[in-house]
């Protein structure tokens, strides 16, 4: 018996020299793909809702080695960096307080996120200074959307660990040092309080 050529979408199984064809159901494949996309959207919704901050950046021109280095730096600081699927990210942002950052998701886009409100901003801002191919576009802290300058400003604030260290230092410091800190410009203190209060409001 001669083998027959089969046209269309199929898997060919060779059994005892015979070509046995099993057609793939396109609808079934589509359903599986939709389920995977829905799972990614739900995961991203969790990221946007639960993270202290999210930073969006373009990574055009970064090599695999560069991205591995960035992920390692991020992980060391308690930050996660992932390549984003733009359409799914925009879908996950729909109806959220930070839906305004959706336009940032164009081109090769990555997101960094962390529980600490400033850690992601610090990592990406620092890496961008070392490698100009990483371009910070903006992001969010708590329920507030940020542009690139906002992320840069956020990166100058102390992290939670740094803030805890300073508070412990103040507790152990002489009264004169505490008085000096309390006399510091109110704007700096206000920025720190604002960043952390926005995180609490979004929780």
N, C-alpha and C. Protein backbone atom coordinates (compact mmCIF):
# COMPACT_ATOMS: atom_id res chain seq x y z
N UNK A 1 0.86 -1.19 0.00
CA UNK A 1 0.00 0.00 0.00
C UNK A 1 0.89 1.23 0.00
N UNK A 2 0.62 2.18 -0.88
CA UNK A 2 1.46 3.36 -0.98
C UNK A 2 1.01 4.41 0.02
N UNK A 3 1.98 5.22 0.47
CA UNK A 3 1.64 6.30 1.40
C UNK A 3 0.91 7.41 0.66
N UNK A 4 -0.09 7.97 1.28
CA UNK A 4 -0.83 9.06 0.67
C UNK A 4 -0.41 10.39 1.27
N UNK A 5 -0.30 11.38 0.40
CA UNK A 5 0.02 12.73 0.88
C UNK A 5 -1.23 13.35 1.45
N UNK A 6 -1.13 13.88 2.63
CA UNK A 6 -2.29 14.47 3.27
C UNK A 6 -2.08 15.97 3.38
N UNK A 7 -3.05 16.72 2.92
CA UNK A 7 -2.95 18.18 2.96
C UNK A 7 -3.71 18.70 4.17
N UNK A 8 -3.32 19.90 4.65
CA UNK A 8 -4.00 20.52 5.79
C UNK A 8 -3.17 20.36 7.04
N UNK A 9 -3.69 20.86 8.14
CA UNK A 9 -2.99 20.79 9.42
C UNK A 9 -3.12 19.40 9.99
N UNK A 10 -2.00 18.71 10.20
CA UNK A 10 -2.08 17.35 10.71
C UNK A 10 -0.78 16.94 11.34
N UNK A 11 -0.85 15.93 12.18
CA UNK A 11 0.33 15.26 12.71
C UNK A 11 0.44 13.93 11.99
N UNK A 12 1.62 13.54 11.54
CA UNK A 12 1.80 12.29 10.82
C UNK A 12 2.50 11.30 11.71
N UNK A 13 1.87 10.15 11.93
CA UNK A 13 2.45 9.09 12.73
C UNK A 13 2.78 7.93 11.80
N UNK A 14 4.01 7.47 11.81
CA UNK A 14 4.41 6.38 10.94
C UNK A 14 4.31 5.07 11.72
N UNK A 15 3.40 4.21 11.30
CA UNK A 15 3.19 2.93 11.97
C UNK A 15 3.27 1.82 10.92
N UNK A 16 4.25 0.91 11.05
CA UNK A 16 4.44 -0.20 10.13
C UNK A 16 4.49 0.27 8.68
N UNK A 17 5.16 1.41 8.46
CA UNK A 17 5.34 1.90 7.11
C UNK A 17 4.14 2.62 6.55
N UNK A 18 3.06 2.75 7.32
CA UNK A 18 1.86 3.42 6.83
C UNK A 18 1.79 4.81 7.43
N UNK A 19 1.35 5.78 6.66
CA UNK A 19 1.18 7.14 7.16
C UNK A 19 -0.22 7.28 7.73
N UNK A 20 -0.31 7.46 9.04
CA UNK A 20 -1.60 7.62 9.70
C UNK A 20 -1.72 9.06 10.14
N UNK A 21 -2.74 9.74 9.70
CA UNK A 21 -2.86 11.17 9.96
C UNK A 21 -3.91 11.45 11.02
N UNK A 22 -3.54 12.34 11.96
CA UNK A 22 -4.48 12.77 12.99
C UNK A 22 -4.61 14.28 12.91
N UNK A 23 -5.75 14.76 12.51
CA UNK A 23 -5.94 16.19 12.34
C UNK A 23 -6.03 16.90 13.69
N UNK A 24 -5.43 18.09 13.73
CA UNK A 24 -5.47 18.89 14.95
C UNK A 24 -6.66 19.82 14.88
N UNK A 25 -7.37 19.90 15.96
CA UNK A 25 -8.55 20.77 16.02
C UNK A 25 -8.10 22.21 16.28
N UNK A 26 -8.24 23.10 15.29
CA UNK A 26 -7.80 24.49 15.47
C UNK A 26 -8.49 25.17 16.64
N UNK A 27 -9.77 24.85 16.89
CA UNK A 27 -10.51 25.48 17.98
C UNK A 27 -9.92 25.08 19.32
N UNK A 28 -9.49 23.82 19.42
CA UNK A 28 -8.89 23.35 20.67
C UNK A 28 -7.59 24.08 20.95
N UNK A 29 -6.75 24.27 19.93
CA UNK A 29 -5.51 25.02 20.10
C UNK A 29 -5.80 26.45 20.53
N UNK A 30 -6.80 27.06 19.92
CA UNK A 30 -7.17 28.43 20.24
C UNK A 30 -7.62 28.54 21.69
N UNK A 31 -8.36 27.56 22.16
CA UNK A 31 -8.84 27.57 23.54
C UNK A 31 -7.68 27.48 24.53
N UNK A 32 -6.71 26.64 24.23
CA UNK A 32 -5.53 26.50 25.09
C UNK A 32 -4.75 27.81 25.12
N UNK A 33 -4.59 28.41 23.94
CA UNK A 33 -3.85 29.67 23.86
C UNK A 33 -4.56 30.77 24.65
N UNK A 34 -5.88 30.82 24.54
CA UNK A 34 -6.65 31.82 25.29
C UNK A 34 -6.51 31.62 26.79
N UNK A 35 -6.49 30.36 27.20
CA UNK A 35 -6.36 30.06 28.62
C UNK A 35 -5.00 30.52 29.15
N UNK A 36 -3.95 30.32 28.34
CA UNK A 36 -2.61 30.75 28.74
C UNK A 36 -2.54 32.26 28.85
N UNK A 37 -3.15 32.96 27.88
CA UNK A 37 -3.15 34.42 27.92
C UNK A 37 -3.92 34.94 29.12
N UNK A 38 -5.06 34.31 29.41
CA UNK A 38 -5.87 34.72 30.56
C UNK A 38 -5.08 34.54 31.86
N UNK A 39 -4.29 33.48 31.92
CA UNK A 39 -3.47 33.22 33.11
C UNK A 39 -2.41 34.31 33.28
N UNK A 40 -1.79 34.72 32.16
CA UNK A 40 -0.78 35.78 32.21
C UNK A 40 -1.41 37.10 32.65
N UNK A 41 -2.60 37.40 32.12
CA UNK A 41 -3.30 38.63 32.49
C UNK A 41 -3.59 38.66 33.98
N UNK A 42 -4.06 37.54 34.53
CA UNK A 42 -4.36 37.47 35.96
C UNK A 42 -3.09 37.66 36.79
N UNK A 43 -2.00 37.07 36.31
CA UNK A 43 -0.72 37.22 37.02
C UNK A 43 -0.29 38.69 37.03
N UNK A 44 -0.43 39.36 35.88
CA UNK A 44 -0.05 40.77 35.80
C UNK A 44 -0.97 41.65 36.64
N UNK A 45 -2.24 41.30 36.71
CA UNK A 45 -3.16 42.05 37.57
C UNK A 45 -2.68 42.01 39.02
N UNK A 46 -2.22 40.83 39.43
CA UNK A 46 -1.68 40.69 40.78
C UNK A 46 -0.44 41.53 40.99
N UNK A 47 0.43 41.56 39.97
CA UNK A 47 1.65 42.38 40.04
C UNK A 47 1.29 43.85 40.22
N UNK A 48 0.38 44.35 39.38
CA UNK A 48 0.03 45.76 39.42
C UNK A 48 -0.71 46.13 40.71
N UNK A 49 -1.47 45.19 41.26
CA UNK A 49 -2.26 45.48 42.46
C UNK A 49 -1.46 45.35 43.75
N UNK A 50 -0.53 44.41 43.78
CA UNK A 50 0.14 44.08 45.04
C UNK A 50 1.54 44.66 45.20
N UNK A 51 2.15 45.08 44.10
CA UNK A 51 3.53 45.60 44.19
C UNK A 51 3.55 47.00 44.78
N UNK A 52 4.61 47.29 45.54
CA UNK A 52 4.77 48.64 46.06
C UNK A 52 5.04 49.63 44.95
N UNK A 53 5.74 49.16 43.91
CA UNK A 53 6.01 50.01 42.75
C UNK A 53 6.26 49.14 41.52
N UNK A 54 6.00 49.73 40.36
CA UNK A 54 6.24 49.08 39.07
C UNK A 54 6.97 50.08 38.18
N UNK A 55 8.02 49.64 37.51
CA UNK A 55 8.75 50.51 36.59
C UNK A 55 8.76 49.87 35.21
N UNK A 56 8.43 50.66 34.20
CA UNK A 56 8.37 50.18 32.82
C UNK A 56 9.56 50.75 32.04
N UNK A 57 10.21 49.90 31.25
CA UNK A 57 11.40 50.35 30.51
C UNK A 57 11.50 49.65 29.16
N UNK A 58 12.16 50.32 28.21
CA UNK A 58 12.50 49.71 26.94
C UNK A 58 13.89 49.08 27.06
N UNK A 59 14.06 47.90 26.47
CA UNK A 59 15.35 47.23 26.57
C UNK A 59 15.95 46.96 25.19
N UNK A 60 15.55 47.73 24.18
CA UNK A 60 16.07 47.55 22.82
C UNK A 60 17.59 47.60 22.80
N UNK A 61 18.22 46.58 22.23
CA UNK A 61 19.67 46.56 22.11
C UNK A 61 20.38 45.83 23.22
N UNK A 62 19.67 45.50 24.30
CA UNK A 62 20.32 44.75 25.38
C UNK A 62 20.52 43.30 24.94
N UNK A 63 21.67 42.75 25.24
CA UNK A 63 21.96 41.36 24.88
C UNK A 63 21.37 40.43 25.94
N UNK A 64 21.41 39.15 25.64
CA UNK A 64 20.95 38.15 26.61
C UNK A 64 21.77 38.26 27.89
N UNK A 65 23.07 38.49 27.73
CA UNK A 65 23.95 38.65 28.90
C UNK A 65 23.55 39.89 29.70
N UNK A 66 23.25 40.99 29.00
CA UNK A 66 22.81 42.21 29.68
C UNK A 66 21.55 41.95 30.50
N UNK A 67 20.58 41.28 29.88
CA UNK A 67 19.32 41.01 30.57
C UNK A 67 19.52 40.09 31.77
N UNK A 68 20.42 39.13 31.63
CA UNK A 68 20.72 38.23 32.76
C UNK A 68 21.34 39.02 33.91
N UNK A 69 22.24 39.94 33.56
CA UNK A 69 22.88 40.78 34.57
C UNK A 69 21.85 41.67 35.26
N UNK A 70 20.93 42.24 34.47
CA UNK A 70 19.89 43.09 35.03
C UNK A 70 18.99 42.30 35.98
N UNK A 71 18.60 41.11 35.56
CA UNK A 71 17.75 40.28 36.42
C UNK A 71 18.45 39.93 37.73
N UNK A 72 19.76 39.67 37.65
CA UNK A 72 20.52 39.33 38.86
C UNK A 72 20.58 40.53 39.80
N UNK A 73 20.88 41.70 39.25
CA UNK A 73 20.92 42.91 40.07
C UNK A 73 19.56 43.14 40.74
N UNK A 74 18.52 42.94 39.94
CA UNK A 74 17.17 43.14 40.46
C UNK A 74 16.87 42.16 41.59
N UNK A 75 17.16 40.88 41.36
CA UNK A 75 16.89 39.86 42.37
C UNK A 75 17.64 40.13 43.67
N UNK A 76 18.88 40.59 43.55
CA UNK A 76 19.68 40.90 44.74
C UNK A 76 19.05 42.01 45.58
N UNK A 77 18.25 42.86 44.92
CA UNK A 77 17.60 43.97 45.63
C UNK A 77 16.14 43.68 45.96
N UNK A 78 15.71 42.42 45.74
CA UNK A 78 14.32 42.07 46.03
C UNK A 78 13.36 42.54 44.96
N UNK A 79 13.88 42.71 43.75
CA UNK A 79 13.08 43.21 42.62
C UNK A 79 12.98 42.12 41.55
N UNK A 80 11.84 42.03 40.89
CA UNK A 80 11.67 41.09 39.77
C UNK A 80 11.61 41.87 38.47
N UNK A 81 12.38 41.42 37.47
CA UNK A 81 12.33 42.05 36.14
C UNK A 81 11.84 41.02 35.14
N UNK A 82 10.81 41.39 34.37
CA UNK A 82 10.26 40.49 33.37
C UNK A 82 10.03 41.22 32.06
N UNK A 83 10.20 40.48 30.96
CA UNK A 83 9.84 41.01 29.65
C UNK A 83 8.31 40.98 29.57
N UNK A 84 7.72 42.08 29.13
CA UNK A 84 6.26 42.19 29.13
C UNK A 84 5.67 41.92 27.75
N UNK A 85 4.50 41.28 27.74
CA UNK A 85 3.71 41.17 26.52
C UNK A 85 2.73 42.33 26.55
N UNK A 86 2.97 43.29 25.66
CA UNK A 86 2.28 44.57 25.75
C UNK A 86 0.76 44.49 25.80
N UNK A 87 0.17 43.75 24.88
CA UNK A 87 -1.30 43.68 24.84
C UNK A 87 -1.87 43.09 26.12
N UNK A 88 -1.19 42.08 26.65
CA UNK A 88 -1.68 41.45 27.87
C UNK A 88 -1.50 42.38 29.07
N UNK A 89 -0.40 43.13 29.08
CA UNK A 89 -0.17 44.09 30.16
C UNK A 89 -1.24 45.18 30.14
N UNK A 90 -1.55 45.68 28.96
CA UNK A 90 -2.58 46.73 28.85
C UNK A 90 -3.95 46.19 29.26
N UNK A 91 -4.21 44.93 28.93
CA UNK A 91 -5.48 44.32 29.33
C UNK A 91 -5.55 44.21 30.86
N UNK A 92 -4.42 43.85 31.47
CA UNK A 92 -4.38 43.72 32.93
C UNK A 92 -4.55 45.06 33.63
N UNK A 93 -4.17 46.14 32.97
CA UNK A 93 -4.27 47.48 33.56
C UNK A 93 -5.66 48.08 33.47
N UNK A 94 -6.51 47.52 32.63
CA UNK A 94 -7.84 48.08 32.43
C UNK A 94 -8.63 48.12 33.74
N UNK A 95 -9.18 49.30 34.03
CA UNK A 95 -10.01 49.45 35.22
C UNK A 95 -9.24 49.63 36.51
N UNK A 96 -7.91 49.73 36.44
CA UNK A 96 -7.10 49.91 37.65
C UNK A 96 -6.77 51.40 37.82
N UNK A 97 -6.37 51.81 39.03
CA UNK A 97 -6.01 53.21 39.25
C UNK A 97 -4.81 53.67 38.40
N UNK A 98 -3.99 52.72 37.95
CA UNK A 98 -2.80 53.09 37.17
C UNK A 98 -2.95 52.74 35.69
N UNK A 99 -4.19 52.71 35.22
CA UNK A 99 -4.44 52.42 33.80
C UNK A 99 -3.75 53.43 32.90
N UNK A 100 -3.45 54.60 33.45
CA UNK A 100 -2.81 55.67 32.68
C UNK A 100 -1.42 55.33 32.17
N UNK A 101 -0.79 54.27 32.70
CA UNK A 101 0.55 53.92 32.21
C UNK A 101 0.47 52.97 31.01
N UNK A 102 -0.73 52.61 30.58
CA UNK A 102 -0.89 51.69 29.44
C UNK A 102 -0.13 52.13 28.19
N UNK A 103 -0.13 53.45 27.84
CA UNK A 103 0.59 53.87 26.63
C UNK A 103 2.09 53.59 26.66
N UNK A 104 2.64 53.29 27.83
CA UNK A 104 4.07 52.98 27.92
C UNK A 104 4.40 51.64 27.28
N UNK A 105 3.39 50.79 27.14
CA UNK A 105 3.63 49.43 26.66
C UNK A 105 3.60 49.37 25.14
N UNK A 106 4.69 49.85 24.55
CA UNK A 106 4.90 49.79 23.10
C UNK A 106 6.35 49.41 22.86
N UNK A 107 6.58 48.56 21.87
CA UNK A 107 7.94 48.14 21.58
C UNK A 107 8.43 47.11 22.58
N UNK A 108 9.74 46.81 22.56
CA UNK A 108 10.32 45.82 23.48
C UNK A 108 10.30 46.36 24.91
N UNK A 109 9.36 45.90 25.70
CA UNK A 109 9.11 46.47 27.02
C UNK A 109 9.34 45.46 28.13
N UNK A 110 9.94 45.93 29.21
CA UNK A 110 10.12 45.10 30.40
C UNK A 110 9.57 45.82 31.60
N UNK A 111 9.18 45.06 32.62
CA UNK A 111 8.70 45.68 33.86
C UNK A 111 9.51 45.17 35.04
N UNK A 112 9.78 46.07 35.96
CA UNK A 112 10.43 45.71 37.22
C UNK A 112 9.45 46.04 38.33
N UNK A 113 9.32 45.15 39.29
CA UNK A 113 8.37 45.41 40.38
C UNK A 113 8.91 44.85 41.69
N UNK A 114 8.44 45.45 42.78
CA UNK A 114 8.92 45.04 44.10
C UNK A 114 7.90 45.45 45.16
N UNK A 115 7.99 44.81 46.31
CA UNK A 115 7.15 45.18 47.44
C UNK A 115 7.60 46.54 47.98
N UNK A 116 8.91 46.73 48.03
CA UNK A 116 9.47 48.00 48.47
C UNK A 116 9.10 49.08 47.44
N UNK A 117 8.53 50.19 47.87
CA UNK A 117 8.07 51.21 46.92
C UNK A 117 9.16 51.85 46.07
N UNK A 118 10.42 51.78 46.51
CA UNK A 118 11.46 52.47 45.75
C UNK A 118 12.51 51.54 45.14
N UNK A 119 12.51 50.26 45.52
CA UNK A 119 13.57 49.35 45.08
C UNK A 119 13.63 49.19 43.56
N UNK A 120 12.48 49.00 42.91
CA UNK A 120 12.47 48.82 41.46
C UNK A 120 13.00 50.05 40.74
N UNK A 121 12.60 51.23 41.23
CA UNK A 121 13.08 52.48 40.63
C UNK A 121 14.59 52.62 40.80
N UNK A 122 15.10 52.25 41.96
CA UNK A 122 16.54 52.35 42.20
C UNK A 122 17.33 51.43 41.26
N UNK A 123 16.87 50.18 41.12
CA UNK A 123 17.59 49.21 40.30
C UNK A 123 17.63 49.64 38.84
N UNK A 124 16.46 49.98 38.27
CA UNK A 124 16.43 50.32 36.85
C UNK A 124 17.11 51.65 36.56
N UNK A 125 16.95 52.62 37.44
CA UNK A 125 17.62 53.91 37.24
C UNK A 125 19.13 53.74 37.28
N UNK A 126 19.61 52.94 38.22
CA UNK A 126 21.04 52.68 38.34
C UNK A 126 21.57 51.94 37.12
N UNK A 127 20.83 50.92 36.67
CA UNK A 127 21.29 50.14 35.52
C UNK A 127 21.30 51.00 34.25
N UNK A 128 20.30 51.86 34.12
CA UNK A 128 20.21 52.73 32.94
C UNK A 128 21.40 53.69 32.85
N UNK A 129 21.95 54.06 34.00
CA UNK A 129 23.12 54.93 34.01
C UNK A 129 24.35 54.18 33.49
N UNK A 130 24.39 52.87 33.74
CA UNK A 130 25.52 52.05 33.28
C UNK A 130 25.35 51.59 31.84
N UNK A 131 24.10 51.47 31.41
CA UNK A 131 23.82 50.97 30.06
C UNK A 131 22.68 51.78 29.46
N UNK A 132 23.03 52.69 28.55
CA UNK A 132 22.05 53.63 27.98
C UNK A 132 20.98 52.93 27.13
N UNK A 133 21.19 51.65 26.82
CA UNK A 133 20.21 50.93 26.00
C UNK A 133 18.95 50.58 26.80
N UNK A 134 19.05 50.65 28.11
CA UNK A 134 17.86 50.50 28.94
C UNK A 134 17.28 51.88 29.18
N UNK A 135 16.06 52.10 28.74
CA UNK A 135 15.43 53.42 28.84
C UNK A 135 14.20 53.34 29.73
N UNK A 136 14.25 54.02 30.87
CA UNK A 136 13.12 54.03 31.79
C UNK A 136 12.04 54.94 31.22
N UNK A 137 10.81 54.42 31.12
CA UNK A 137 9.70 55.16 30.52
C UNK A 137 8.76 55.77 31.56
N UNK A 138 8.62 55.11 32.68
CA UNK A 138 7.68 55.56 33.71
C UNK A 138 7.30 54.39 34.58
N UNK A 139 6.19 54.52 35.29
CA UNK A 139 5.76 53.42 36.14
C UNK A 139 4.70 53.87 37.12
N UNK A 140 4.70 53.25 38.28
CA UNK A 140 3.71 53.60 39.29
C UNK A 140 4.25 53.29 40.67
N UNK A 141 3.73 54.02 41.65
CA UNK A 141 4.00 53.71 43.05
C UNK A 141 2.65 53.77 43.75
N UNK A 142 2.26 52.66 44.39
CA UNK A 142 0.93 52.61 44.95
C UNK A 142 -0.11 52.77 43.85
N UNK A 143 -1.01 53.73 44.02
CA UNK A 143 -2.05 53.98 43.03
C UNK A 143 -1.73 55.17 42.14
N UNK A 144 -0.50 55.65 42.19
CA UNK A 144 -0.12 56.84 41.43
C UNK A 144 0.76 56.48 40.24
N UNK A 145 0.40 57.00 39.06
CA UNK A 145 1.21 56.79 37.85
C UNK A 145 2.37 57.78 37.85
N UNK A 146 3.51 57.35 37.31
CA UNK A 146 4.71 58.18 37.25
C UNK A 146 5.24 58.25 35.83
N UNK A 147 5.80 59.41 35.46
CA UNK A 147 6.53 59.48 34.20
C UNK A 147 8.00 59.16 34.50
N UNK A 148 8.86 59.28 33.49
CA UNK A 148 10.27 58.92 33.67
C UNK A 148 10.93 59.76 34.77
N UNK A 149 10.61 61.05 34.82
CA UNK A 149 11.20 61.91 35.85
C UNK A 149 10.70 61.53 37.23
N UNK A 150 9.44 61.10 37.30
CA UNK A 150 8.89 60.66 38.57
C UNK A 150 9.61 59.43 39.10
N UNK A 151 9.93 58.50 38.19
CA UNK A 151 10.68 57.29 38.59
C UNK A 151 12.07 57.68 39.07
N UNK A 152 12.69 58.61 38.35
CA UNK A 152 14.03 59.06 38.73
C UNK A 152 14.01 59.71 40.12
N UNK A 153 12.98 60.51 40.39
CA UNK A 153 12.85 61.14 41.71
C UNK A 153 12.60 60.09 42.79
N UNK A 154 11.77 59.10 42.46
CA UNK A 154 11.48 58.03 43.42
C UNK A 154 12.74 57.27 43.80
N UNK A 155 13.64 57.11 42.82
CA UNK A 155 14.87 56.36 43.06
C UNK A 155 15.80 57.05 44.06
N UNK A 156 15.60 58.34 44.29
CA UNK A 156 16.46 59.07 45.23
C UNK A 156 16.01 58.90 46.68
N UNK A 157 14.80 58.36 46.88
CA UNK A 157 14.29 58.18 48.23
C UNK A 157 14.93 56.95 48.89
N UNK A 158 14.98 56.92 50.20
CA UNK A 158 15.54 55.75 50.88
C UNK A 158 14.62 54.54 50.75
N UNK A 159 15.21 53.37 50.62
CA UNK A 159 14.42 52.14 50.58
C UNK A 159 13.89 51.85 51.98
N UNK A 160 13.02 50.86 52.09
CA UNK A 160 12.49 50.49 53.40
C UNK A 160 13.61 50.08 54.35
N UNK A 161 14.57 49.30 53.84
CA UNK A 161 15.69 48.86 54.68
C UNK A 161 16.53 50.06 55.12
N UNK A 162 16.77 50.98 54.18
CA UNK A 162 17.56 52.17 54.52
C UNK A 162 16.82 53.03 55.55
N UNK A 163 15.50 53.14 55.36
CA UNK A 163 14.70 53.94 56.28
C UNK A 163 14.68 53.32 57.67
N UNK A 164 14.56 52.00 57.72
CA UNK A 164 14.59 51.32 59.02
C UNK A 164 15.93 51.57 59.72
N UNK A 165 17.01 51.48 58.93
CA UNK A 165 18.34 51.72 59.50
C UNK A 165 18.47 53.13 60.06
N UNK A 166 17.92 54.10 59.33
CA UNK A 166 18.00 55.49 59.79
C UNK A 166 17.18 55.69 61.06
N UNK A 167 16.01 55.04 61.11
CA UNK A 167 15.16 55.17 62.30
C UNK A 167 15.84 54.56 63.53
N UNK A 168 16.48 53.40 63.31
CA UNK A 168 17.21 52.77 64.42
C UNK A 168 18.35 53.68 64.86
N UNK A 169 19.02 54.28 63.87
CA UNK A 169 20.11 55.21 64.19
C UNK A 169 19.62 56.40 64.99
N UNK A 170 18.43 56.89 64.64
CA UNK A 170 17.87 58.03 65.36
C UNK A 170 17.54 57.66 66.81
N UNK A 171 17.01 56.45 66.97
CA UNK A 171 16.64 56.00 68.32
C UNK A 171 17.88 55.94 69.21
N UNK A 172 19.00 55.55 68.60
CA UNK A 172 20.24 55.40 69.37
C UNK A 172 21.06 56.68 69.41
N UNK A 173 20.64 57.69 68.64
CA UNK A 173 21.45 58.90 68.52
C UNK A 173 21.22 59.86 69.68
N UNK A 174 22.19 60.75 69.92
CA UNK A 174 22.00 61.79 70.95
C UNK A 174 20.87 62.73 70.56
N UNK A 175 20.31 63.40 71.53
CA UNK A 175 19.18 64.30 71.29
C UNK A 175 19.53 65.41 70.31
N UNK A 176 20.78 65.87 70.30
CA UNK A 176 21.17 66.96 69.40
C UNK A 176 21.08 66.53 67.94
N UNK A 177 21.43 65.26 67.67
CA UNK A 177 21.36 64.75 66.30
C UNK A 177 19.91 64.63 65.85
N UNK A 178 19.05 64.16 66.75
CA UNK A 178 17.63 64.03 66.43
C UNK A 178 17.05 65.41 66.12
N UNK A 179 17.44 66.40 66.89
CA UNK A 179 16.95 67.76 66.66
C UNK A 179 17.37 68.26 65.29
N UNK A 180 18.59 67.91 64.89
CA UNK A 180 19.09 68.34 63.58
C UNK A 180 18.30 67.71 62.45
N UNK A 181 17.94 66.44 62.60
CA UNK A 181 17.15 65.76 61.58
C UNK A 181 15.76 66.36 61.48
N UNK A 182 15.18 66.64 62.63
CA UNK A 182 13.84 67.22 62.64
C UNK A 182 13.82 68.60 62.01
N UNK A 183 14.98 69.27 62.01
CA UNK A 183 15.06 70.60 61.42
C UNK A 183 15.34 70.56 59.92
N UNK A 184 15.48 69.36 59.35
CA UNK A 184 15.77 69.22 57.91
C UNK A 184 14.60 69.74 57.10
N UNK A 185 14.86 70.10 55.82
CA UNK A 185 13.78 70.63 54.98
C UNK A 185 12.56 69.72 54.97
N UNK A 186 11.40 70.32 55.15
CA UNK A 186 10.16 69.54 55.24
C UNK A 186 9.84 68.83 53.94
N UNK A 187 10.28 69.40 52.82
CA UNK A 187 9.97 68.80 51.52
C UNK A 187 10.51 67.39 51.38
N UNK A 188 11.73 67.17 51.88
CA UNK A 188 12.34 65.85 51.77
C UNK A 188 11.56 64.83 52.59
N UNK A 189 11.18 65.22 53.82
CA UNK A 189 10.40 64.33 54.67
C UNK A 189 9.04 64.06 54.05
N UNK A 190 8.45 65.09 53.45
CA UNK A 190 7.12 64.94 52.85
C UNK A 190 7.15 63.95 51.70
N UNK A 191 8.23 63.97 50.91
CA UNK A 191 8.33 63.05 49.77
C UNK A 191 8.37 61.61 50.25
N UNK A 192 9.12 61.36 51.32
CA UNK A 192 9.20 60.00 51.85
C UNK A 192 7.85 59.55 52.37
N UNK A 193 7.21 60.40 53.18
CA UNK A 193 5.91 60.05 53.75
C UNK A 193 4.89 59.82 52.65
N UNK A 194 4.91 60.67 51.62
CA UNK A 194 3.95 60.55 50.52
C UNK A 194 4.10 59.23 49.80
N UNK A 195 5.35 58.83 49.51
CA UNK A 195 5.58 57.58 48.78
C UNK A 195 5.06 56.39 49.54
N UNK A 196 5.31 56.36 50.85
CA UNK A 196 4.88 55.21 51.63
C UNK A 196 3.39 55.23 51.94
N UNK A 197 2.82 56.43 52.09
CA UNK A 197 1.38 56.51 52.36
C UNK A 197 0.59 56.07 51.14
N UNK A 198 1.08 56.39 49.93
CA UNK A 198 0.39 55.97 48.72
C UNK A 198 0.41 54.46 48.58
N UNK A 199 1.52 53.85 49.02
CA UNK A 199 1.61 52.39 48.98
C UNK A 199 0.55 51.79 49.90
N UNK A 200 0.41 52.36 51.11
CA UNK A 200 -0.55 51.83 52.08
C UNK A 200 -1.98 52.00 51.59
N UNK A 201 -2.27 53.13 50.91
CA UNK A 201 -3.61 53.37 50.40
C UNK A 201 -3.99 52.36 49.34
N UNK A 202 -2.99 51.93 48.55
CA UNK A 202 -3.25 50.99 47.47
C UNK A 202 -3.37 49.56 47.97
N UNK A 203 -2.88 49.30 49.18
CA UNK A 203 -2.88 47.92 49.71
C UNK A 203 -4.28 47.45 50.05
